[in-house]
Protein backbone atom coordinates (compact mmCIF):
# COMPACT_ATOMS: atom_id res chain seq x y z
CA MET A 1 -31.36 -29.89 56.61
CA ARG A 2 -29.25 -26.71 56.49
CA LYS A 3 -26.14 -28.74 57.31
CA LYS A 4 -26.88 -31.14 54.45
CA ALA A 5 -27.42 -28.27 52.00
CA PHE A 6 -24.20 -26.66 53.15
CA LEU A 7 -22.23 -29.90 52.63
CA THR A 8 -23.78 -30.38 49.19
CA GLY A 9 -22.80 -26.83 48.18
CA LEU A 10 -19.29 -27.38 49.53
CA GLN A 11 -18.93 -30.57 47.50
CA LEU A 12 -20.02 -28.73 44.35
CA MET A 13 -17.49 -25.97 44.98
CA ILE A 14 -14.69 -28.49 45.53
CA GLY A 15 -15.74 -30.39 42.43
CA CYS A 16 -15.68 -27.20 40.34
CA ALA A 17 -12.26 -26.29 41.70
CA LEU A 18 -10.90 -29.75 40.87
CA PHE A 19 -12.37 -29.53 37.37
CA ALA A 20 -10.74 -26.12 36.89
CA GLN A 21 -7.41 -27.61 37.93
CA GLU A 22 -7.83 -30.46 35.46
CA LYS A 23 -8.84 -28.13 32.60
CA PRO A 24 -6.92 -24.84 32.68
CA PHE A 25 -8.29 -21.69 31.05
CA ASP A 26 -7.89 -21.79 27.29
CA PRO A 27 -8.70 -18.64 25.28
CA ALA A 28 -9.59 -20.86 22.32
CA ASP A 29 -12.68 -21.98 24.27
CA TYR A 30 -14.06 -18.47 23.86
CA GLU A 31 -13.48 -18.08 20.12
CA THR A 32 -16.31 -17.67 17.67
CA VAL A 33 -16.07 -19.24 14.23
CA THR A 34 -17.14 -17.62 10.96
CA LEU A 35 -17.32 -19.49 7.69
CA ARG A 36 -18.29 -17.72 4.47
CA PRO A 37 -19.30 -19.75 1.39
CA ASP A 38 -16.24 -21.18 -0.38
CA LYS A 39 -13.92 -19.51 2.17
CA PRO A 40 -11.73 -21.04 4.91
CA ALA A 41 -12.90 -20.86 8.52
CA VAL A 42 -11.93 -17.81 10.60
CA PHE A 43 -11.71 -17.69 14.40
CA ARG A 44 -12.35 -14.53 16.41
CA GLN A 45 -12.07 -13.64 20.11
CA ASP A 46 -12.03 -10.61 22.40
CA VAL A 47 -8.70 -9.82 24.04
CA GLN A 48 -7.45 -7.37 26.65
CA ILE A 49 -4.34 -5.31 25.78
CA PRO A 50 -2.13 -4.20 28.69
CA VAL A 51 -1.08 -0.56 28.43
CA ALA A 52 2.43 0.35 29.60
CA ASN A 53 2.60 2.62 32.66
CA ASP A 54 -1.19 2.58 33.10
CA SER A 55 -3.56 0.51 35.20
CA PHE A 56 -6.17 -0.24 32.53
CA ARG A 57 -6.41 -2.44 29.45
CA LEU A 58 -7.67 -1.70 25.98
CA LYS A 59 -10.42 -3.80 24.44
CA GLY A 60 -9.22 -5.62 21.35
CA VAL A 61 -10.45 -8.18 18.83
CA PHE A 62 -8.11 -10.90 17.58
CA THR A 63 -8.96 -12.71 14.35
CA ARG A 64 -6.99 -15.62 12.93
CA PRO A 65 -7.14 -18.28 10.21
CA GLY A 66 -8.80 -21.54 11.19
CA LYS A 67 -5.82 -23.73 10.43
CA GLU A 68 -3.33 -24.57 13.17
CA GLY A 69 0.13 -23.10 13.50
CA LYS A 70 1.68 -19.65 13.78
CA HIS A 71 0.55 -17.05 11.28
CA PRO A 72 1.96 -13.80 9.93
CA ALA A 73 0.04 -11.01 11.61
CA ILE A 74 -1.34 -7.53 10.99
CA LEU A 75 -2.01 -4.74 13.47
CA LEU A 76 -4.96 -2.85 11.99
CA LEU A 77 -5.17 0.87 12.84
CA PRO A 78 -8.37 2.67 11.75
CA GLY A 79 -8.42 6.18 10.42
CA ASN A 80 -9.65 8.51 13.14
CA ALA A 81 -7.46 10.24 15.70
CA SER A 82 -10.22 9.42 18.18
CA TYR A 83 -12.03 6.21 17.25
CA ASN A 84 -13.80 3.38 18.96
CA LEU A 85 -15.42 0.15 17.93
CA ASP A 86 -18.80 1.91 17.67
CA ALA A 87 -17.57 4.66 15.34
CA ALA A 88 -19.44 5.44 12.13
CA ALA A 89 -16.31 5.33 9.94
CA PHE A 90 -14.27 2.13 10.13
CA SER A 91 -16.77 0.87 12.67
CA ALA A 92 -16.64 -2.51 14.40
CA THR A 93 -18.59 -4.02 11.51
CA VAL A 94 -16.14 -2.67 8.95
CA LEU A 95 -13.08 -3.66 10.99
CA GLU A 96 -14.53 -7.14 11.43
CA ARG A 97 -15.00 -7.47 7.67
CA ILE A 98 -11.44 -6.29 6.98
CA ALA A 99 -10.06 -8.71 9.58
CA GLN A 100 -12.21 -11.51 8.14
CA THR A 101 -10.80 -10.93 4.65
CA PHE A 102 -7.19 -10.84 5.85
CA ALA A 103 -7.71 -13.98 7.96
CA GLU A 104 -9.11 -15.79 4.92
CA GLU A 105 -5.94 -14.69 3.13
CA GLY A 106 -3.82 -16.34 5.84
CA PHE A 107 -3.12 -13.51 8.32
CA ALA A 108 -3.91 -13.06 11.99
CA VAL A 109 -5.28 -9.58 12.74
CA LEU A 110 -5.63 -7.43 15.86
CA TYR A 111 -7.60 -4.18 16.15
CA PHE A 112 -8.55 -2.33 19.31
CA ASP A 113 -10.49 0.48 21.00
CA ASP A 114 -8.55 3.66 21.58
CA ARG A 115 -8.69 6.01 24.58
CA ASN A 116 -9.29 9.31 22.78
CA ALA A 117 -5.66 10.01 21.93
CA ALA A 118 -6.47 13.29 20.19
CA ALA A 119 -7.47 14.81 23.53
CA ASN A 120 -3.77 14.98 24.35
CA GLY A 121 -3.12 17.33 21.43
CA SER A 122 -1.01 14.90 19.36
CA TYR A 123 -0.95 11.43 17.85
CA ALA A 124 1.73 10.35 20.33
CA THR A 125 -0.64 8.58 22.76
CA LEU A 126 -2.34 6.69 19.97
CA ALA A 127 1.10 5.61 18.72
CA ARG A 128 2.14 4.43 22.19
CA ASP A 129 -1.05 2.41 22.60
CA ALA A 130 -0.60 0.95 19.12
CA ALA A 131 2.94 -0.09 20.06
CA ASP A 132 1.55 -1.86 23.15
CA ALA A 133 -1.06 -3.58 20.96
CA LEU A 134 1.70 -4.70 18.56
CA LYS A 135 3.65 -6.13 21.50
CA GLU A 136 0.54 -8.04 22.63
CA LEU A 137 -0.09 -9.30 19.10
CA ARG A 138 3.44 -10.70 18.88
CA SER A 139 2.97 -12.52 22.18
CA LEU A 140 -0.10 -14.49 21.08
CA PRO A 141 0.57 -18.21 20.54
CA GLN A 142 -1.03 -18.28 17.07
CA VAL A 143 1.24 -15.46 15.77
CA ASP A 144 4.70 -15.65 14.23
CA PRO A 145 6.34 -12.62 15.94
CA ARG A 146 8.98 -12.44 13.20
CA LYS A 147 6.31 -11.71 10.57
CA THR A 148 4.26 -8.82 11.91
CA GLY A 149 3.41 -5.46 10.40
CA ILE A 150 0.86 -2.66 10.28
CA VAL A 151 -2.01 -1.82 7.93
CA ALA A 152 -3.42 1.61 8.74
CA HIS A 153 -5.70 4.35 7.43
CA ASN A 154 -5.22 8.13 7.56
CA ALA A 155 -4.70 9.17 11.24
CA GLY A 156 -4.06 5.52 12.11
CA ALA A 157 -1.31 5.62 9.50
CA ALA A 158 0.25 8.57 11.36
CA ALA A 159 0.53 6.38 14.47
CA GLY A 160 1.76 3.50 12.32
CA LEU A 161 4.43 5.71 10.77
CA MET A 162 5.69 6.70 14.22
CA ILE A 163 6.03 3.01 15.11
CA ALA A 164 7.63 2.10 11.77
CA ALA A 165 10.23 4.84 12.31
CA GLN A 166 11.53 3.20 15.48
CA ASP A 167 10.57 -0.51 15.41
CA THR A 168 13.36 -2.20 13.48
CA THR A 169 11.62 -5.60 13.68
CA LEU A 170 8.52 -4.43 11.79
CA ARG A 171 8.33 -6.42 8.56
CA PHE A 172 5.89 -4.27 6.55
CA PHE A 173 3.85 -1.07 6.69
CA VAL A 174 0.78 -0.34 4.55
CA PRO A 175 -0.53 3.25 4.96
CA MET A 176 -3.86 3.98 3.22
CA ALA A 177 -4.88 7.58 2.43
CA ALA A 178 -1.94 8.68 4.55
CA GLN A 179 -0.76 12.26 4.85
CA GLY A 180 2.62 12.94 3.26
CA ALA A 181 2.63 16.72 2.98
CA GLY A 182 2.50 19.09 5.97
CA SER A 183 -0.85 19.82 7.62
CA PRO A 184 -1.22 23.47 6.45
CA ALA A 185 -0.71 22.44 2.82
CA THR A 186 -3.03 19.45 3.33
CA MET A 187 -5.81 21.71 4.62
CA ALA A 188 -5.30 24.21 1.77
CA ASN A 189 -5.62 21.44 -0.84
CA PHE A 190 -8.68 20.08 0.93
CA MET A 191 -10.37 23.49 0.86
CA LEU A 192 -9.68 23.85 -2.85
CA ALA A 193 -11.15 20.39 -3.49
CA VAL A 194 -14.34 20.73 -1.44
CA HIS A 195 -15.05 24.16 -2.92
CA ALA A 196 -14.23 23.17 -6.49
CA ASP A 197 -17.66 24.30 -7.70
CA LYS A 198 -17.29 27.80 -6.21
CA GLU A 199 -15.86 30.89 -7.89
CA PRO A 200 -12.01 31.18 -7.86
CA GLY A 201 -11.97 34.04 -5.33
CA PHE A 202 -13.95 32.01 -2.81
CA ARG A 203 -11.75 28.93 -3.27
CA GLU A 204 -8.54 30.90 -2.90
CA ARG A 205 -9.76 32.61 0.27
CA ALA A 206 -10.88 29.29 1.77
CA ALA A 207 -7.52 27.67 0.97
CA ARG A 208 -5.55 30.60 2.43
CA GLU A 209 -7.81 30.58 5.48
CA GLY A 210 -7.21 26.86 6.10
CA GLU A 211 -3.45 27.15 5.64
CA VAL A 212 -3.07 30.15 7.97
CA LEU A 213 -5.29 28.74 10.73
CA MET A 214 -3.56 25.35 10.58
CA LYS A 215 -0.19 27.03 11.06
CA ILE A 216 -1.54 28.81 14.14
CA ALA A 217 -3.11 25.60 15.51
CA GLY A 218 0.14 23.70 15.02
CA ALA A 219 2.47 26.25 16.60
CA GLY A 220 2.43 24.47 19.97
CA GLN A 221 1.51 27.54 22.00
CA PRO A 222 -0.47 27.65 25.29
CA HIS A 223 -4.24 27.45 24.92
CA TYR A 224 -4.88 31.11 25.80
CA SER A 225 -2.31 32.31 23.24
CA LEU A 226 -3.75 29.90 20.67
CA LEU A 227 -7.25 31.34 21.10
CA LEU A 228 -5.93 34.89 20.89
CA GLN A 229 -4.03 34.20 17.66
CA LEU A 230 -6.99 32.36 16.16
CA LYS A 231 -9.30 35.24 17.10
CA ARG A 232 -7.11 37.82 15.37
CA ALA A 233 -6.87 35.76 12.20
CA ALA A 234 -10.54 34.73 12.23
CA ILE A 235 -11.74 38.34 12.54
CA GLY A 236 -9.72 39.21 9.43
CA PHE A 237 -11.20 36.27 7.52
CA GLU A 238 -14.70 37.21 8.64
CA ARG A 239 -14.12 40.72 7.29
CA GLU A 240 -13.19 39.22 3.91
CA PHE A 241 -16.22 36.93 4.09
CA ARG A 242 -18.54 39.90 4.73
CA LEU A 243 -17.13 41.85 1.80
CA GLU A 244 -17.37 38.83 -0.46
CA LYS A 245 -20.99 38.14 0.49
CA LYS A 246 -21.90 41.83 0.89
CA ILE A 247 -23.05 41.29 4.47
CA PRO A 248 -23.70 44.50 6.49
CA ASP A 249 -21.40 45.17 9.47
CA ASN A 250 -24.33 45.09 11.90
CA ALA A 251 -25.49 41.62 10.77
CA GLU A 252 -24.41 38.60 12.82
CA THR A 253 -22.63 35.82 10.94
CA GLY A 254 -20.87 33.77 13.64
CA TYR A 255 -18.15 33.12 11.05
CA ALA A 256 -15.17 34.09 13.21
CA LEU A 257 -16.52 32.12 16.18
CA MET A 258 -16.98 29.05 13.97
CA LEU A 259 -13.35 29.25 12.82
CA ILE A 260 -12.03 29.68 16.36
CA GLN A 261 -14.04 26.75 17.68
CA THR A 262 -13.05 24.49 14.76
CA TYR A 263 -9.31 25.13 14.80
CA SER A 264 -9.02 24.91 18.60
CA LEU A 265 -10.53 21.41 18.75
CA PRO A 266 -8.10 18.78 20.16
CA GLU A 267 -8.55 16.70 16.99
CA MET A 268 -7.60 19.68 14.83
CA ILE A 269 -4.58 20.49 16.97
CA ALA A 270 -3.49 16.85 16.71
CA PHE A 271 -3.74 17.10 12.95
CA ALA A 272 -2.01 20.51 12.81
CA THR A 273 1.01 19.51 14.90
CA TYR A 274 1.72 16.30 12.98
CA ASN A 275 4.57 16.41 10.44
CA PRO A 276 5.08 13.07 8.64
CA THR A 277 8.48 13.99 7.19
CA GLU A 278 9.93 13.84 10.72
CA TYR A 279 9.47 10.05 10.62
CA MET A 280 9.53 8.94 7.00
CA ASN A 281 13.28 8.79 6.43
CA ARG A 282 13.71 6.52 9.46
CA VAL A 283 11.44 3.76 8.11
CA LYS A 284 13.43 0.67 7.12
CA CYS A 285 10.71 -1.91 6.39
CA PRO A 286 8.95 -2.26 3.00
CA VAL A 287 6.13 0.25 2.50
CA LEU A 288 3.02 0.07 0.31
CA ALA A 289 1.26 3.47 0.25
CA LEU A 290 -2.27 3.42 -1.20
CA PHE A 291 -4.41 6.34 -2.36
CA GLY A 292 -7.83 6.84 -3.91
CA GLU A 293 -7.69 9.21 -6.87
CA ASN A 294 -11.04 10.75 -5.82
CA ASP A 295 -9.85 11.41 -2.27
CA GLU A 296 -10.53 15.07 -1.45
CA LEU A 297 -8.86 15.08 1.96
CA ILE A 298 -5.63 13.25 1.04
CA ALA A 299 -5.22 13.93 -2.67
CA PRO A 300 -2.56 11.68 -4.27
CA SER A 301 -1.19 14.65 -6.21
CA ALA A 302 -0.31 16.39 -2.93
CA HIS A 303 0.84 13.41 -0.86
CA SER A 304 2.11 10.43 -2.87
CA SER A 305 5.20 12.29 -4.05
CA ALA A 306 6.21 12.97 -0.43
CA TRP A 307 6.05 9.25 0.39
CA LYS A 308 8.10 8.40 -2.70
CA GLN A 309 10.66 11.13 -2.06
CA GLN A 310 11.14 10.41 1.65
CA ILE A 311 11.02 6.60 1.29
CA PRO A 312 12.59 5.87 -2.13
CA GLY A 313 11.90 2.14 -1.95
CA ALA A 314 8.20 2.58 -1.20
CA THR A 315 5.58 1.17 -3.56
CA ILE A 316 2.91 3.77 -4.39
CA ARG A 317 -0.52 2.82 -5.76
CA SER A 318 -3.34 5.17 -6.73
CA PHE A 319 -6.74 3.64 -7.50
CA PRO A 320 -8.90 5.36 -10.15
CA GLY A 321 -12.42 6.19 -9.03
CA MET A 322 -11.79 5.37 -5.37
CA ASN A 323 -12.50 7.66 -2.43
CA HIS A 324 -10.77 8.45 0.87
CA TYR A 325 -11.69 5.00 2.20
CA LEU A 326 -10.30 3.15 -0.85
CA SER A 327 -13.77 2.32 -2.10
CA ASN A 328 -15.30 2.91 -5.54
CA SER A 329 -18.85 2.46 -4.27
CA GLY A 330 -19.04 5.49 -1.97
CA HIS A 331 -18.78 3.33 1.16
CA LYS A 332 -16.58 4.14 4.15
CA GLN A 333 -14.62 0.92 3.89
CA PRO A 334 -11.90 -0.44 1.59
CA SER A 335 -13.04 -2.59 -1.31
CA GLU A 336 -12.25 -6.29 -1.11
CA SER A 337 -10.06 -6.01 -4.20
CA VAL A 338 -7.83 -3.51 -2.38
CA LEU A 339 -7.60 -5.75 0.69
CA LYS A 340 -6.61 -8.72 -1.49
CA GLU A 341 -3.97 -6.63 -3.25
CA ILE A 342 -2.55 -5.69 0.17
CA ALA A 343 -2.55 -9.35 1.22
CA GLY A 344 -0.72 -10.39 -1.95
CA TRP A 345 1.90 -7.66 -1.51
CA ILE A 346 2.52 -8.69 2.12
CA ARG A 347 2.90 -12.35 1.10
CA ASP A 348 5.50 -11.30 -1.47
CA VAL A 349 7.38 -9.26 1.15
CA LEU A 350 7.33 -12.13 3.65
CA LYS A 351 7.94 -14.77 0.97
CA THR A 352 5.09 -16.82 2.35
CA SER A 353 1.90 -18.45 1.08
CA ARG A 354 -1.61 -18.73 2.46
């Protein structure tokens, strides 16, 4: 009886092996299909992205139009220095919706999980991983490798800019809410905006505080020296804070400690050490830089001029009533009208249709 069971199992194994030989693995078998009312079908599948000089792979999601053939393609880079597909801002749901819209407009799209690039103190690791993802995107059989580019938001746009500065085959680059001015000035403008309802003295101190601490955080010094410099500056700002609020010297505020902890975070150091002007004048592909006029972090008045000055051929668009995420509804995701405008601009650049 055991012998018969063994032979039966062996026959099943051989049969499965023969079937596998007759029908090789096809990634298309693992695609899911989405069809919105009055929209073309969109196919989606999980992919693994090899990382150069490392033994692991990044989790990615590839989305493409339903029709056959090779498609122009977009590498989508979300807006956090440290993001993942479960993040609250530009989460998997949001990224899926963006990819869905672009695929309905005729583009293949790839987005991926990061590996906490900000922990390395710069955007360089995120940029390297994004370059590997772009290489993988160009290798996919449904993609036209001659028609690939990047659509990115905020910190993702920093990584995209680094790639655009060196990849001469990149056909387009669309930065959204992307930093153009230096980080100290960016932080000073942000402080003025978020404290707009406070008295002028408070706003000016907050802006000066942000600018000074960002300069210290971005100086590239060893961690011990960084903490020492932050401590000296933070104690001075706490003294001003106490005088302003009339807080007694013997009362605890925790203000200096809060500043030290905030400006020594890896994410803050990544932001502080990034200087976009180092890369802008090396970009050769067409650029569409988009801003929301109600963006407090990346105000168009402080950043759009830098993009225009450093990349004279760039197209600059500011959207009235829209926030940091290019939305006029308060949501943390671009409006569909913005995504369609991006798609139309890319089609014009590539001289292609849907």
